[in-house]
C-alpha atoms as a PDB file:
ATOM      1  CA  MET A   1      66.821   9.768  59.312  1.00  0.00           C
ATOM      2  CA  PRO A   2      66.505  10.065  63.117  1.00  0.00           C
ATOM      3  CA  LEU A   3      65.598   6.400  63.034  1.00  0.00           C
ATOM      4  CA  ALA A   4      69.218   5.378  62.234  1.00  0.00           C
ATOM      5  CA  PRO A   5      70.724   6.458  65.587  1.00  0.00           C
ATOM      6  CA  LEU A   6      67.822   4.812  67.393  1.00  0.00           C
ATOM      7  CA  VAL A   7      68.271   1.524  65.533  1.00  0.00           C
ATOM      8  CA  ALA A   8      72.024   1.599  66.253  1.00  0.00           C
ATOM      9  CA  GLY A   9      71.661   2.817  69.840  1.00  0.00           C
ATOM     10  CA  LEU A  10      69.133   0.338  71.242  1.00  0.00           C
ATOM     11  CA  PRO A  11      71.261  -2.809  70.734  1.00  0.00           C
ATOM     12  CA  LEU A  12      74.282  -0.986  72.146  1.00  0.00           C
ATOM     13  CA  LEU A  13      72.282  -0.126  75.271  1.00  0.00           C
ATOM     14  CA  ALA A  14      71.453  -3.804  75.760  1.00  0.00           C
ATOM     15  CA  ILE A  15      74.989  -5.060  75.022  1.00  0.00           C
ATOM     16  CA  GLY A  16      76.535  -2.417  77.275  1.00  0.00           C
ATOM     17  CA  PHE A  17      74.186  -3.224  80.139  1.00  0.00           C
ATOM     18  CA  LEU A  18      74.737  -6.981  79.839  1.00  0.00           C
ATOM     19  CA  GLY A  19      78.504  -6.543  79.603  1.00  0.00           C
ATOM     20  CA  LEU A  20      78.620  -4.173  82.564  1.00  0.00           C
ATOM     21  CA  THR A  21      76.601  -6.570  84.709  1.00  0.00           C
ATOM     22  CA  GLU A  22      78.705  -9.546  83.493  1.00  0.00           C
ATOM     23  CA  ARG A  23      75.680 -11.291  81.976  1.00  0.00           C
ATOM     24  CA  LEU A  24      76.643 -11.041  78.304  1.00  0.00           C
ATOM     25  CA  PRO A  25      77.008 -14.588  76.970  1.00  0.00           C
ATOM     26  CA  ARG A  26      79.677 -15.419  74.407  1.00  0.00           C
ATOM     27  CA  ASN A  27      77.998 -15.062  71.036  1.00  0.00           C
ATOM     28  CA  ARG A  28      78.687 -14.304  67.372  1.00  0.00           C
ATOM     29  CA  PHE A  29      77.304 -10.783  67.239  1.00  0.00           C
ATOM     30  CA  GLY A  30      77.634  -8.592  70.330  1.00  0.00           C
ATOM     31  CA  GLY A  31      80.376  -7.522  72.655  1.00  0.00           C
ATOM     32  CA  VAL A  32      84.141  -7.314  72.368  1.00  0.00           C
ATOM     33  CA  ARG A  33      85.149 -10.062  69.955  1.00  0.00           C
ATOM     34  CA  THR A  34      88.891  -9.658  69.531  1.00  0.00           C
ATOM     35  CA  PRO A  35      91.312 -12.612  69.649  1.00  0.00           C
ATOM     36  CA  ALA A  36      92.397 -11.565  73.161  1.00  0.00           C
ATOM     37  CA  ALA A  37      88.787 -11.482  74.386  1.00  0.00           C
ATOM     38  CA  LEU A  38      87.869 -14.816  72.811  1.00  0.00           C
ATOM     39  CA  ARG A  39      90.798 -16.843  74.177  1.00  0.00           C
ATOM     40  CA  SER A  40      88.967 -17.709  77.409  1.00  0.00           C
ATOM     41  CA  PRO A  41      85.607 -17.179  79.103  1.00  0.00           C
ATOM     42  CA  GLU A  42      87.328 -15.055  81.774  1.00  0.00           C
ATOM     43  CA  ALA A  43      88.945 -12.790  79.152  1.00  0.00           C
ATOM     44  CA  PHE A  44      85.572 -12.356  77.408  1.00  0.00           C
ATOM     45  CA  ARG A  45      83.890 -11.466  80.695  1.00  0.00           C
ATOM     46  CA  VAL A  46      86.572  -8.936  81.670  1.00  0.00           C
ATOM     47  CA  ALA A  47      86.691  -7.349  78.200  1.00  0.00           C
ATOM     48  CA  ASN A  48      82.951  -6.817  78.087  1.00  0.00           C
ATOM     49  CA  LYS A  49      82.745  -5.584  81.681  1.00  0.00           C
ATOM     50  CA  VAL A  50      85.353  -2.916  80.916  1.00  0.00           C
ATOM     51  CA  ALA A  51      83.700  -2.023  77.597  1.00  0.00           C
ATOM     52  CA  GLY A  52      80.210  -2.116  79.116  1.00  0.00           C
ATOM     53  CA  LEU A  53      79.945   1.454  80.402  1.00  0.00           C
ATOM     54  CA  PRO A  54      81.293   3.144  77.242  1.00  0.00           C
ATOM     55  CA  THR A  55      79.065   0.916  75.109  1.00  0.00           C
ATOM     56  CA  LEU A  56      76.087   1.858  77.250  1.00  0.00           C
ATOM     57  CA  VAL A  57      76.986   5.540  76.800  1.00  0.00           C
ATOM     58  CA  ALA A  58      77.286   5.032  73.019  1.00  0.00           C
ATOM     59  CA  GLY A  59      73.804   3.539  72.946  1.00  0.00           C
ATOM     60  CA  LEU A  60      72.500   6.426  75.011  1.00  0.00           C
ATOM     61  CA  VAL A  61      74.061   8.900  72.546  1.00  0.00           C
ATOM     62  CA  GLY A  62      72.239   7.159  69.706  1.00  0.00           C
ATOM     63  CA  VAL A  63      68.879   7.100  71.482  1.00  0.00           C
ATOM     64  CA  LEU A  64      69.152  10.714  72.632  1.00  0.00           C
ATOM     65  CA  GLY A  65      70.229  11.758  69.129  1.00  0.00           C
ATOM     66  CA  ALA A  66      67.123  10.102  67.727  1.00  0.00           C
ATOM     67  CA  VAL A  67      64.879  11.800  70.288  1.00  0.00           C
ATOM     68  CA  VAL A  68      66.412  15.208  69.536  1.00  0.00           C
ATOM     69  CA  GLY A  69      66.081  14.467  65.824  1.00  0.00           C
ATOM     70  CA  PHE A  70      62.372  13.798  66.207  1.00  0.00           C
ATOM     71  CA  VAL A  71      61.856  16.971  68.273  1.00  0.00           C
ATOM     72  CA  VAL A  72      63.905  19.340  66.113  1.00  0.00           C
ATOM     73  CA  GLY A  73      62.115  20.784  63.112  1.00  0.00           C
ATOM     74  CA  GLY A  74      63.575  21.116  59.643  1.00  0.00           C
ATOM     75  CA  THR A  75      65.253  18.556  57.439  1.00  0.00           C
ATOM     76  CA  ALA A  76      68.748  20.066  57.703  1.00  0.00           C
ATOM     77  CA  ALA A  77      68.627  20.142  61.513  1.00  0.00           C
ATOM     78  CA  VAL A  78      67.345  16.574  61.722  1.00  0.00           C
ATOM     79  CA  LEU A  79      70.055  15.375  59.361  1.00  0.00           C
ATOM     80  CA  THR A  80      72.758  17.229  61.288  1.00  0.00           C
ATOM     81  CA  VAL A  81      71.648  15.858  64.657  1.00  0.00           C
ATOM     82  CA  SER A  82      71.415  12.326  63.248  1.00  0.00           C
ATOM     83  CA  VAL A  83      74.886  12.448  61.712  1.00  0.00           C
ATOM     84  CA  ILE A  84      76.421  13.858  64.900  1.00  0.00           C
ATOM     85  CA  ALA A  85      74.716  11.157  66.973  1.00  0.00           C
ATOM     86  CA  LEU A  86      75.872   8.382  64.635  1.00  0.00           C
ATOM     87  CA  VAL A  87      79.452   9.628  64.512  1.00  0.00           C
ATOM     88  CA  GLY A  88      79.545   9.966  68.308  1.00  0.00           C
ATOM     89  CA  LEU A  89      78.042   6.529  68.739  1.00  0.00           C
ATOM     90  CA  VAL A  90      80.623   4.929  66.425  1.00  0.00           C
ATOM     91  CA  VAL A  91      83.606   6.717  67.995  1.00  0.00           C
ATOM     92  CA  ILE A  92      82.567   5.807  71.542  1.00  0.00           C
ATOM     93  CA  THR A  93      81.868   2.198  70.538  1.00  0.00           C
ATOM     94  CA  LEU A  94      85.302   1.869  68.915  1.00  0.00           C
ATOM     95  CA  GLY A  95      86.906   3.300  72.050  1.00  0.00           C
ATOM     96  CA  ALA A  96      84.998   0.782  74.154  1.00  0.00           C
ATOM     97  CA  GLY A  97      86.306  -2.029  71.980  1.00  0.00           C
ATOM     98  CA  VAL A  98      89.897  -0.841  72.368  1.00  0.00           C
ATOM     99  CA  LEU A  99      89.514  -0.624  76.157  1.00  0.00           C
ATOM    100  CA  GLY A 100      87.932  -4.083  76.288  1.00  0.00           C
ATOM    101  CA  ASP A 101      90.673  -5.588  74.117  1.00  0.00           C
ATOM    102  CA  ARG A 102      93.387  -4.129  76.346  1.00  0.00           C
ATOM    103  CA  ALA A 103      91.656  -5.466  79.447  1.00  0.00           C
ATOM    104  CA  ALA A 104      91.325  -8.926  77.884  1.00  0.00           C
ATOM    105  CA  ALA A 105      95.001  -8.922  76.909  1.00  0.00           C
ATOM    106  CA  ALA A 106      95.886  -8.280  80.571  1.00  0.00           C
ATOM    107  CA  VAL A 107      94.043 -11.423  81.708  1.00  0.00           C
ATOM    108  CA  PRO A 108      96.593 -14.240  82.221  1.00  0.00           C
ATOM    109  CA  GLU A 109      96.538 -17.161  79.805  1.00  0.00           C
ATOM    110  CA  PRO A 110      94.349 -19.993  81.106  1.00  0.00           C
ATOM    111  CA  LYS A 111      96.305 -22.996  82.357  1.00  0.00           C
ATOM    112  CA  PRO A 112      95.759 -26.141  80.280  1.00  0.00           C
ATOM    113  CA  GLU A 113      93.531 -28.677  81.955  1.00  0.00           C
ATOM    114  CA  LEU A 114      95.211 -31.896  82.987  1.00  0.00           C
ATOM    115  CA  PRO A 115      93.620 -35.244  82.251  1.00  0.00           C
ATOM    116  CA  ALA A 116      91.609 -36.621  85.172  1.00  0.00           C
ATOM    117  CA  GLY A 117      93.757 -38.448  87.744  1.00  0.00           C
ATOM    118  CA  CYS A 118      97.001 -37.503  86.076  1.00  0.00           C
ATOM    119  CA  ALA A 119      99.905 -35.162  86.690  1.00  0.00           C
ATOM    120  CA  GLY A 120      99.936 -34.280  83.017  1.00  0.00           C
ATOM    121  CA  CYS A 121     103.040 -36.159  81.945  1.00  0.00           C
ATOM    122  CA  GLN A 122     101.164 -38.526  79.584  1.00  0.00           C
ATOM    123  CA  CYS A 123     103.520 -41.383  80.561  1.00  0.00           C
ATOM    124  CA  GLY A 124     100.842 -44.003  81.046  1.00  0.00           C
ATOM    125  CA  GLY A 125     101.871 -44.548  84.659  1.00  0.00           C
ATOM    126  CA  CYS A 126      98.569 -43.259  85.969  1.00  0.00           C
ATOM    127  CA  ASP A 127      96.748 -46.183  84.344  1.00  0.00           C
ATOM    128  CA  VAL A 128      99.130 -48.663  85.956  1.00  0.00           C
ATOM    129  CA  LEU A 129      98.808 -46.963  89.351  1.00  0.00           C
ATOM    130  CA  THR A 130      95.027 -47.041  89.093  1.00  0.00           C
ATOM    131  CA  ARG A 131      95.005 -50.797  88.309  1.00  0.00           C
ATOM    132  CA  VAL A 132      97.360 -51.582  91.209  1.00  0.00           C
ATOM    133  CA  GLN A 133      95.249 -49.580  93.680  1.00  0.00           C
ATOM    134  CA  ALA A 134      92.008 -51.175  92.443  1.00  0.00           C
ATOM    135  CA  GLY A 135      93.445 -54.730  92.395  1.00  0.00           C
END
């Protein structure tokens, strides 16, 4: 049973470290993946930077729980330590996600990109202006 907190803690250590150092790429599996965090690359970066330290701590709780579980003797003690480590890991990870979501929601909406060489009005005048200048 002490293997469960270890298996859960190691990926959280990696995700937390990458998020904290702003090197976590957008992906399908790790990091804060709420609608607010996924609306722009900047929101994803901010969300995972804010959630990085708590996620790292959650992973550390899992790994330390596994180590203590291996050291402690007796089935009941090992089970107790493992359950406490897993519950702590889950609670801290959920808190990290909430913090990251709130940080992502605070990031301003990205401005829509305008077509190249245009003021964004879609009037067709930019094409005419380009032909006159080239001609």
